[in-house]
């Protein structure tokens, strides 16, 4: 049973869902202050997203979803981020987690989708917990940080090491939200509305059928790849998740640039009766910000196309070198999006820092987003350099390239 009972949305195709998402952008912006105050998404936002079919975007057509692919998912993230980054973050994860559910074995899908897809599932991979084998399952214990979407979830997936398993392989465990304690820890300078609180489990039984090795779920040969015809189910999960934050960064920066454009037609230059938009400085600043975002979008589009084309034509996994190049593209996208934001802020004056202004909230949200460990420039520039120079020492140097 959903924590928030959701009416089944009409079956929409991907284009219709994206159109509905665009129509939600103004509403998400209007609710930004409320979202931040609540430190989670308002119930109305979850219901609106369900009505728009957003959670069904990546659900297979065989299960009544839109059966969309990577490009549509990236487009969705970019669109939602123009409205509110906390909403884009949470709705984006909940959408992708329906895709993850459909990569589990069918009996697990039948349980989670008992009332019909989509469902709302939160997933957290770090740090790992401990699973002790018992009759017919495992006794699970652990404390996990940053569980995005948990405030709205019906189900939660966490990672753990199985005691006695000498391989040291990580497994994923699926539990009803009622079996998980949520710890109120999400007090942040930005992204407050994502409600990414900690979760804790203390000696909770999990049936064996609700566990799956991490590599089996995230790899190309996951159970869902054998069940569904949509190409995205045969993707290595890294090839999808790596685009989450770059797509949102571009969307947020585009929203700020649109706001800046409107201000240039209303704001006067300092100590002048000249509109800011009529000054050379503002024109140059706007042009540079636009250029940075165009370069970011082109680079993101290129990497997404490479990923889609490779998965459509090749049976082998993506090479470490190509995965490193795509990660470098994603880092550059985030860097150029932030460059655009800095240009906008530098020409906006002090008024945009009022606590009631959308602009300052978006900037704080974006700063927190850009601190995510999956786009840690120091770490991934080093790893990518090692790979491209042939100096990688690990057997799987791109394992963490999500």
Protein backbone atom coordinates (compact mmCIF):
# COMPACT_ATOMS: atom_id res chain seq x y z
CA UNK A 1 0.00 0.00 0.00
CA UNK A 2 1.41 3.38 -0.97
CA UNK A 3 2.16 5.68 1.95
CA UNK A 4 0.32 8.24 -0.19
CA UNK A 5 -2.41 6.37 -2.07
CA UNK A 6 -1.96 7.25 -5.72
CA UNK A 7 -4.57 6.81 -8.39
CA UNK A 8 -3.24 4.81 -11.36
CA UNK A 9 -2.24 7.27 -14.06
CA UNK A 10 -3.52 6.92 -17.59
CA UNK A 11 -1.08 5.10 -19.84
CA UNK A 12 1.03 7.81 -21.48
CA UNK A 13 3.86 7.58 -23.95
CA UNK A 14 7.22 9.21 -23.29
CA UNK A 15 6.50 12.37 -25.28
CA UNK A 16 3.25 12.91 -23.40
CA UNK A 17 4.99 12.45 -20.04
CA UNK A 18 7.67 14.99 -20.96
CA UNK A 19 4.97 17.44 -22.06
CA UNK A 20 3.23 16.96 -18.71
CA UNK A 21 6.55 17.50 -16.92
CA UNK A 22 7.03 20.80 -18.74
CA UNK A 23 3.60 21.93 -17.56
CA UNK A 24 4.63 21.14 -13.96
CA UNK A 25 7.69 23.41 -13.99
CA UNK A 26 5.89 26.63 -12.89
CA UNK A 27 4.11 24.74 -10.10
CA UNK A 28 7.35 23.24 -8.85
CA UNK A 29 8.89 26.72 -8.74
CA UNK A 30 5.92 28.10 -6.83
CA UNK A 31 6.22 25.29 -4.28
CA UNK A 32 9.98 25.73 -3.87
CA UNK A 33 9.77 27.65 -0.60
CA UNK A 34 7.22 25.20 0.84
CA UNK A 35 9.37 22.25 -0.27
CA UNK A 36 12.41 23.68 1.49
CA UNK A 37 10.41 24.40 4.64
CA UNK A 38 8.96 20.88 4.78
CA UNK A 39 12.38 19.31 4.06
CA UNK A 40 10.64 16.90 1.68
CA UNK A 41 8.37 17.21 -1.32
CA UNK A 42 4.80 18.29 -0.62
CA UNK A 43 2.24 15.51 -1.01
CA UNK A 44 0.70 17.50 -3.85
CA UNK A 45 3.96 17.26 -5.83
CA UNK A 46 4.04 13.48 -5.51
CA UNK A 47 0.43 13.24 -6.65
CA UNK A 48 1.04 15.64 -9.56
CA UNK A 49 4.06 13.61 -10.67
CA UNK A 50 2.01 10.40 -10.53
CA UNK A 51 -0.82 11.99 -12.52
CA UNK A 52 1.71 13.14 -15.11
CA UNK A 53 2.95 9.56 -15.51
CA UNK A 54 6.48 10.51 -14.45
CA UNK A 55 7.05 7.43 -12.28
CA UNK A 56 6.01 5.20 -15.22
CA UNK A 57 8.49 6.69 -17.70
CA UNK A 58 11.00 3.82 -17.47
CA UNK A 59 8.53 1.07 -16.55
CA UNK A 60 8.38 -1.54 -19.37
CA UNK A 61 5.45 -1.36 -21.78
CA UNK A 62 4.70 -4.97 -20.86
CA UNK A 63 3.85 -3.70 -17.36
CA UNK A 64 1.83 -0.74 -18.57
CA UNK A 65 4.60 1.87 -18.51
CA UNK A 66 5.97 4.17 -21.20
CA UNK A 67 9.00 1.96 -21.84
CA UNK A 68 11.18 5.01 -22.45
CA UNK A 69 14.93 5.08 -22.84
CA UNK A 70 17.98 6.97 -21.65
CA UNK A 71 17.40 10.10 -23.76
CA UNK A 72 13.90 10.60 -22.40
CA UNK A 73 15.09 10.10 -18.82
CA UNK A 74 17.84 12.70 -19.26
CA UNK A 75 15.30 15.09 -20.81
CA UNK A 76 12.95 14.56 -17.84
CA UNK A 77 15.67 15.41 -15.31
CA UNK A 78 16.61 18.56 -17.19
CA UNK A 79 12.99 19.69 -17.40
CA UNK A 80 12.19 19.10 -13.72
CA UNK A 81 15.37 20.86 -12.60
CA UNK A 82 14.17 24.05 -14.27
CA UNK A 83 11.36 24.06 -11.72
CA UNK A 84 13.01 22.94 -8.50
CA UNK A 85 16.18 20.94 -7.91
CA UNK A 86 14.91 19.16 -4.80
CA UNK A 87 11.88 18.02 -6.80
CA UNK A 88 14.02 16.96 -9.77
CA UNK A 89 16.36 15.03 -7.47
CA UNK A 90 13.59 13.18 -5.62
CA UNK A 91 11.29 12.55 -8.59
CA UNK A 92 14.27 11.56 -10.73
CA UNK A 93 15.43 8.96 -8.23
CA UNK A 94 11.92 7.59 -7.68
CA UNK A 95 11.52 7.29 -11.46
CA UNK A 96 14.84 5.51 -11.95
CA UNK A 97 14.10 3.19 -9.04
CA UNK A 98 11.05 1.83 -10.87
CA UNK A 99 13.52 0.90 -13.60
CA UNK A 100 15.66 -0.79 -10.93
CA UNK A 101 12.66 -2.71 -9.54
CA UNK A 102 12.02 -4.15 -13.01
CA UNK A 103 15.63 -5.43 -13.02
CA UNK A 104 14.90 -7.65 -9.99
CA UNK A 105 13.69 -11.26 -10.45
CA UNK A 106 10.06 -11.50 -11.53
CA UNK A 107 8.74 -12.82 -8.20
CA UNK A 108 10.08 -9.71 -6.49
CA UNK A 109 8.52 -7.48 -9.14
CA UNK A 110 5.20 -9.26 -8.63
CA UNK A 111 5.32 -8.44 -4.92
CA UNK A 112 6.37 -4.81 -5.30
CA UNK A 113 3.97 -4.19 -8.18
CA UNK A 114 1.11 -6.11 -6.54
CA UNK A 115 -1.17 -3.11 -6.89
CA UNK A 116 0.25 -2.31 -10.30
CA UNK A 117 3.26 -0.26 -11.29
CA UNK A 118 4.65 2.21 -10.66
CA UNK A 119 5.70 1.91 -7.06
CA UNK A 120 7.74 4.31 -4.95
CA UNK A 121 11.07 2.90 -3.85
CA UNK A 122 14.10 4.50 -2.20
CA UNK A 123 17.57 3.04 -2.64
CA UNK A 124 20.82 3.71 -0.83
CA UNK A 125 24.15 2.03 -1.52
CA UNK A 126 26.57 3.44 1.04
CA UNK A 127 27.80 2.48 3.54
CA UNK A 128 27.13 -1.25 3.48
CA UNK A 129 25.34 -3.06 6.29
CA UNK A 130 25.61 -6.65 7.58
CA UNK A 131 23.41 -9.59 6.59
CA UNK A 132 23.52 -12.77 8.68
CA UNK A 133 22.17 -15.90 6.93
CA UNK A 134 19.21 -17.48 8.78
CA UNK A 135 16.51 -19.95 7.75
CA UNK A 136 14.89 -18.84 4.46
CA UNK A 137 16.64 -15.47 4.41
CA UNK A 138 18.84 -13.00 6.23
CA UNK A 139 18.91 -10.95 9.40
CA UNK A 140 19.82 -7.46 8.28
CA UNK A 141 21.43 -4.70 10.36
CA UNK A 142 22.88 -1.35 9.34
CA UNK A 143 22.74 2.43 9.21
CA UNK A 144 22.75 4.10 5.79
CA UNK A 145 23.10 7.78 4.94
CA UNK A 146 21.44 9.96 2.30
CA UNK A 147 18.43 7.82 1.41
CA UNK A 148 16.81 10.08 -1.18
CA UNK A 149 13.09 9.52 -1.68
CA UNK A 150 12.57 7.65 1.57
CA UNK A 151 10.01 10.19 2.81
CA UNK A 152 7.65 9.05 0.04
CA UNK A 153 8.67 5.42 -0.42
CA UNK A 154 6.71 2.19 -0.03
CA UNK A 155 9.88 0.11 -0.35
CA UNK A 156 13.57 0.58 0.48
CA UNK A 157 16.64 -1.12 -0.99
CA UNK A 158 19.91 -1.13 0.95
CA UNK A 159 23.32 -2.75 0.51
CA UNK A 160 25.00 -5.24 2.84
CA UNK A 161 27.76 -7.80 3.04
CA UNK A 162 26.63 -11.34 3.73
CA UNK A 163 28.41 -12.76 6.76
CA UNK A 164 30.48 -15.81 5.82
CA UNK A 165 30.62 -14.95 2.12
CA UNK A 166 34.35 -15.05 1.45
CA UNK A 167 33.98 -13.29 -1.90
CA UNK A 168 33.23 -10.02 -0.13
CA UNK A 169 30.59 -9.22 -2.75
CA UNK A 170 27.93 -6.67 -1.87
CA UNK A 171 24.26 -7.65 -2.13
CA UNK A 172 21.07 -5.60 -2.34
CA UNK A 173 18.15 -6.17 0.05
CA UNK A 174 14.56 -5.05 -0.47
CA UNK A 175 12.31 -4.25 2.49
CA UNK A 176 8.92 -2.62 3.02
CA UNK A 177 9.29 0.95 4.24
CA UNK A 178 7.53 -0.12 7.47
CA UNK A 179 10.55 -2.32 8.32
CA UNK A 180 12.95 0.63 8.14
CA UNK A 181 13.54 3.39 10.70
CA UNK A 182 14.02 6.86 9.19
CA UNK A 183 16.42 9.07 11.16
CA UNK A 184 15.79 12.81 10.82
CA UNK A 185 19.26 13.96 9.79
CA UNK A 186 18.68 16.00 6.62
CA UNK A 187 19.57 19.54 7.74
CA UNK A 188 21.49 21.04 4.84
CA UNK A 189 22.29 24.45 3.33
CA UNK A 190 20.80 23.32 0.02
CA UNK A 191 18.66 20.54 -1.44
CA UNK A 192 16.71 20.64 1.83
CA UNK A 193 13.51 19.57 0.08
CA UNK A 194 14.92 16.22 -1.03
CA UNK A 195 14.47 14.78 2.48
CA UNK A 196 17.50 12.52 2.04
CA UNK A 197 17.49 11.28 5.62
CA UNK A 198 19.40 8.38 7.13
CA UNK A 199 17.78 4.97 7.48
CA UNK A 200 18.46 2.34 10.11
CA UNK A 201 17.62 -1.37 10.32
CA UNK A 202 18.17 -3.47 13.43
CA UNK A 203 18.10 -7.27 13.05
CA UNK A 204 15.27 -7.23 10.50
CA UNK A 205 14.40 -10.45 8.65
CA UNK A 206 14.56 -10.28 4.84
CA UNK A 207 13.40 -13.29 2.78
CA UNK A 208 16.10 -14.75 0.55
CA UNK A 209 14.13 -13.99 -2.60
CA UNK A 210 14.30 -10.27 -1.81
CA UNK A 211 18.09 -10.19 -2.03
CA UNK A 212 20.24 -10.02 -5.14
CA UNK A 213 23.99 -9.53 -5.68
CA UNK A 214 24.84 -5.93 -6.49
CA UNK A 215 26.61 -6.90 -9.72
CA UNK A 216 23.61 -8.93 -10.89
CA UNK A 217 21.23 -6.01 -10.39
CA UNK A 218 23.48 -3.33 -11.85
CA UNK A 219 24.99 -5.42 -14.64
CA UNK A 220 23.84 -5.94 -18.21
CA UNK A 221 22.59 -9.48 -17.48
CA UNK A 222 20.13 -8.49 -14.75
CA UNK A 223 16.89 -10.55 -14.57
CA UNK A 224 14.86 -7.75 -16.18
CA UNK A 225 17.02 -7.81 -19.30
CA UNK A 226 15.63 -11.28 -20.05
CA UNK A 227 12.03 -10.23 -19.42
CA UNK A 228 11.65 -6.95 -21.28
CA UNK A 229 12.41 -5.80 -24.80
CA UNK A 230 13.32 -2.19 -23.98
CA UNK A 231 17.07 -1.70 -24.61
CA UNK A 232 17.60 0.19 -21.34
CA UNK A 233 17.09 -3.02 -19.37
CA UNK A 234 20.24 -4.41 -20.96
CA UNK A 235 22.31 -1.40 -19.92
CA UNK A 236 24.94 -1.48 -17.26
CA UNK A 237 23.28 0.70 -14.61
CA UNK A 238 26.34 2.96 -14.58
CA UNK A 239 25.49 3.99 -18.14
CA UNK A 240 22.26 5.55 -16.90
CA UNK A 241 23.05 6.82 -13.42
CA UNK A 242 26.15 8.72 -14.55
CA UNK A 243 23.90 11.27 -16.31
CA UNK A 244 21.64 12.04 -13.32
CA UNK A 245 23.48 15.05 -11.91
CA UNK A 246 24.83 16.59 -15.14
CA UNK A 247 21.29 16.67 -16.58
CA UNK A 248 19.92 18.31 -13.44
CA UNK A 249 22.78 20.81 -13.31
CA UNK A 250 22.04 21.97 -16.85
CA UNK A 251 18.31 22.25 -16.15
CA UNK A 252 18.84 24.35 -13.01
CA UNK A 253 21.32 26.61 -14.81
CA UNK A 254 18.89 27.06 -17.71
CA UNK A 255 16.17 28.12 -15.29
CA UNK A 256 18.44 30.70 -13.71
CA UNK A 257 19.49 32.03 -17.11
CA UNK A 258 15.82 32.48 -18.07
CA UNK A 259 15.25 34.44 -14.85
CA UNK A 260 18.30 36.58 -15.56
CA UNK A 261 17.03 37.33 -19.07
CA UNK A 262 13.74 38.62 -17.63
CA UNK A 263 15.55 40.77 -15.05
CA UNK A 264 17.60 42.45 -17.78
CA UNK A 265 14.37 43.88 -19.20
CA UNK A 266 13.27 45.31 -15.84
CA UNK A 267 16.37 46.15 -13.81
CA UNK A 268 18.25 49.41 -14.26
CA UNK A 269 22.01 49.58 -14.27
CA UNK A 270 23.52 51.06 -11.09
CA UNK A 271 23.24 54.85 -10.82
CA UNK A 272 21.61 54.97 -14.26
CA UNK A 273 18.28 55.19 -16.04
CA UNK A 274 19.52 52.63 -18.58
CA UNK A 275 18.00 49.16 -18.51
CA UNK A 276 20.59 46.56 -17.62
CA UNK A 277 19.82 44.68 -20.83
CA UNK A 278 20.95 47.72 -22.84
CA UNK A 279 24.43 47.75 -21.33
CA UNK A 280 27.42 46.13 -23.03
CA UNK A 281 28.46 44.42 -19.80
CA UNK A 282 25.10 42.66 -19.35
CA UNK A 283 24.96 41.68 -23.01
CA UNK A 284 28.44 40.15 -22.85
CA UNK A 285 27.64 38.36 -19.59
CA UNK A 286 24.42 36.91 -21.01
CA UNK A 287 26.21 35.77 -24.18
CA UNK A 288 28.96 34.03 -22.21
CA UNK A 289 26.47 32.29 -19.93
CA UNK A 290 24.46 31.16 -22.95
CA UNK A 291 27.59 29.87 -24.67
CA UNK A 292 28.64 27.88 -21.59
CA UNK A 293 25.23 26.21 -21.39
CA UNK A 294 25.17 25.42 -25.11
CA UNK A 295 28.55 23.75 -24.83
CA UNK A 296 27.39 21.81 -21.76
CA UNK A 297 24.23 20.61 -23.51
CA UNK A 298 26.14 19.60 -26.66
CA UNK A 299 28.62 17.62 -24.61
CA UNK A 300 25.86 15.89 -22.64
CA UNK A 301 23.92 15.08 -25.83
CA UNK A 302 27.06 13.62 -27.40
CA UNK A 303 27.77 11.32 -24.45
CA UNK A 304 24.16 10.18 -24.22
CA UNK A 305 24.11 9.38 -27.95
CA UNK A 306 27.35 7.39 -27.69
CA UNK A 307 25.88 5.39 -24.83
CA UNK A 308 22.63 4.68 -26.67
CA UNK A 309 24.39 3.74 -29.93
CA UNK A 310 26.86 1.45 -28.17
CA UNK A 311 24.15 -0.40 -26.27
CA UNK A 312 22.12 -0.79 -29.46
CA UNK A 313 24.98 -2.28 -31.48
CA UNK A 314 27.51 -3.92 -29.18
CA UNK A 315 27.26 -7.09 -27.14
CA UNK A 316 30.31 -6.25 -25.06
CA UNK A 317 30.46 -3.91 -22.09
CA UNK A 318 31.66 -0.36 -22.53
CA UNK A 319 35.46 -0.13 -22.39
CA UNK A 320 37.10 1.49 -19.38
CA UNK A 321 38.57 4.13 -21.68
CA UNK A 322 35.20 5.12 -23.12
CA UNK A 323 33.55 5.12 -19.70
CA UNK A 324 36.34 7.41 -18.46
CA UNK A 325 35.80 9.79 -21.40
CA UNK A 326 32.06 9.93 -20.71
CA UNK A 327 32.74 10.63 -17.03
CA UNK A 328 35.06 13.47 -18.07
CA UNK A 329 32.26 14.83 -20.25
CA UNK A 330 29.85 14.69 -17.30
CA UNK A 331 32.31 16.53 -15.07
CA UNK A 332 32.79 19.18 -17.74
CA UNK A 333 29.01 19.57 -18.14
CA UNK A 334 28.66 20.28 -14.42
CA UNK A 335 31.58 22.70 -14.51
CA UNK A 336 30.15 24.64 -17.47
CA UNK A 337 26.69 24.75 -15.90
CA UNK A 338 28.23 26.25 -12.76
CA UNK A 339 30.21 28.74 -14.87
CA UNK A 340 26.93 29.91 -16.38
CA UNK A 341 25.40 30.32 -12.92
CA UNK A 342 28.36 32.35 -11.68
CA UNK A 343 28.05 34.67 -14.66
CA UNK A 344 24.35 35.15 -14.00
CA UNK A 345 24.83 35.81 -10.30
CA UNK A 346 27.65 38.25 -10.92
CA UNK A 347 25.32 40.45 -12.93
CA UNK A 348 22.15 40.15 -10.87
CA UNK A 349 22.73 42.53 -7.96
CA UNK A 350 22.04 42.06 -4.27
CA UNK A 351 18.27 41.60 -4.54
CA UNK A 352 18.57 37.97 -5.69
CA UNK A 353 20.03 37.06 -2.29
CA UNK A 354 16.80 37.85 -0.46
CA UNK A 355 15.60 34.75 1.37
CA UNK A 356 12.31 34.92 -0.51
CA UNK A 357 14.03 34.85 -3.91
CA UNK A 358 14.04 31.65 -5.96
CA UNK A 359 17.49 32.44 -7.33
CA UNK A 360 19.44 32.10 -4.08
CA UNK A 361 17.66 28.83 -3.26
CA UNK A 362 18.52 27.34 -6.65
CA UNK A 363 22.16 28.35 -6.24
CA UNK A 364 22.36 26.72 -2.80
CA UNK A 365 20.66 23.60 -4.14
CA UNK A 366 23.06 23.43 -7.06
CA UNK A 367 26.10 23.80 -4.80
CA UNK A 368 24.97 20.81 -2.76
CA UNK A 369 24.19 18.80 -5.91
CA UNK A 370 27.68 19.50 -7.26
CA UNK A 371 29.20 18.15 -4.03
CA UNK A 372 27.84 14.65 -4.73
CA UNK A 373 30.50 11.96 -4.57
CA UNK A 374 29.69 10.71 -8.09
CA UNK A 375 30.88 14.00 -9.58
CA UNK A 376 33.86 14.55 -7.27
CA UNK A 377 36.29 16.13 -9.74
CA UNK A 378 39.47 15.40 -7.79
CA UNK A 379 38.70 11.71 -7.54
CA UNK A 380 37.39 11.09 -11.04
CA UNK A 381 39.96 13.22 -12.84
CA UNK A 382 42.67 11.15 -11.17
CA UNK A 383 40.98 7.83 -11.97
CA UNK A 384 40.25 8.86 -15.55
CA UNK A 385 43.82 10.02 -16.06
CA UNK A 386 45.15 6.70 -14.80
CA UNK A 387 42.92 4.81 -17.21
CA UNK A 388 43.66 6.97 -20.25
CA UNK A 389 47.41 6.81 -19.59
CA UNK A 390 47.32 3.04 -19.15
CA UNK A 391 48.31 3.25 -15.50
CA UNK A 392 45.20 1.83 -13.81
CA UNK A 393 46.06 -0.83 -11.23
CA UNK A 394 42.54 -2.11 -10.45
CA UNK A 395 40.95 -4.94 -12.43
CA UNK A 396 37.78 -2.83 -12.67
CA UNK A 397 38.92 0.81 -12.49
CA UNK A 398 35.53 2.22 -13.52
CA UNK A 399 33.46 0.23 -11.03
CA UNK A 400 32.43 3.39 -9.19
CA UNK A 401 31.80 5.50 -12.31
CA UNK A 402 28.13 6.16 -11.64
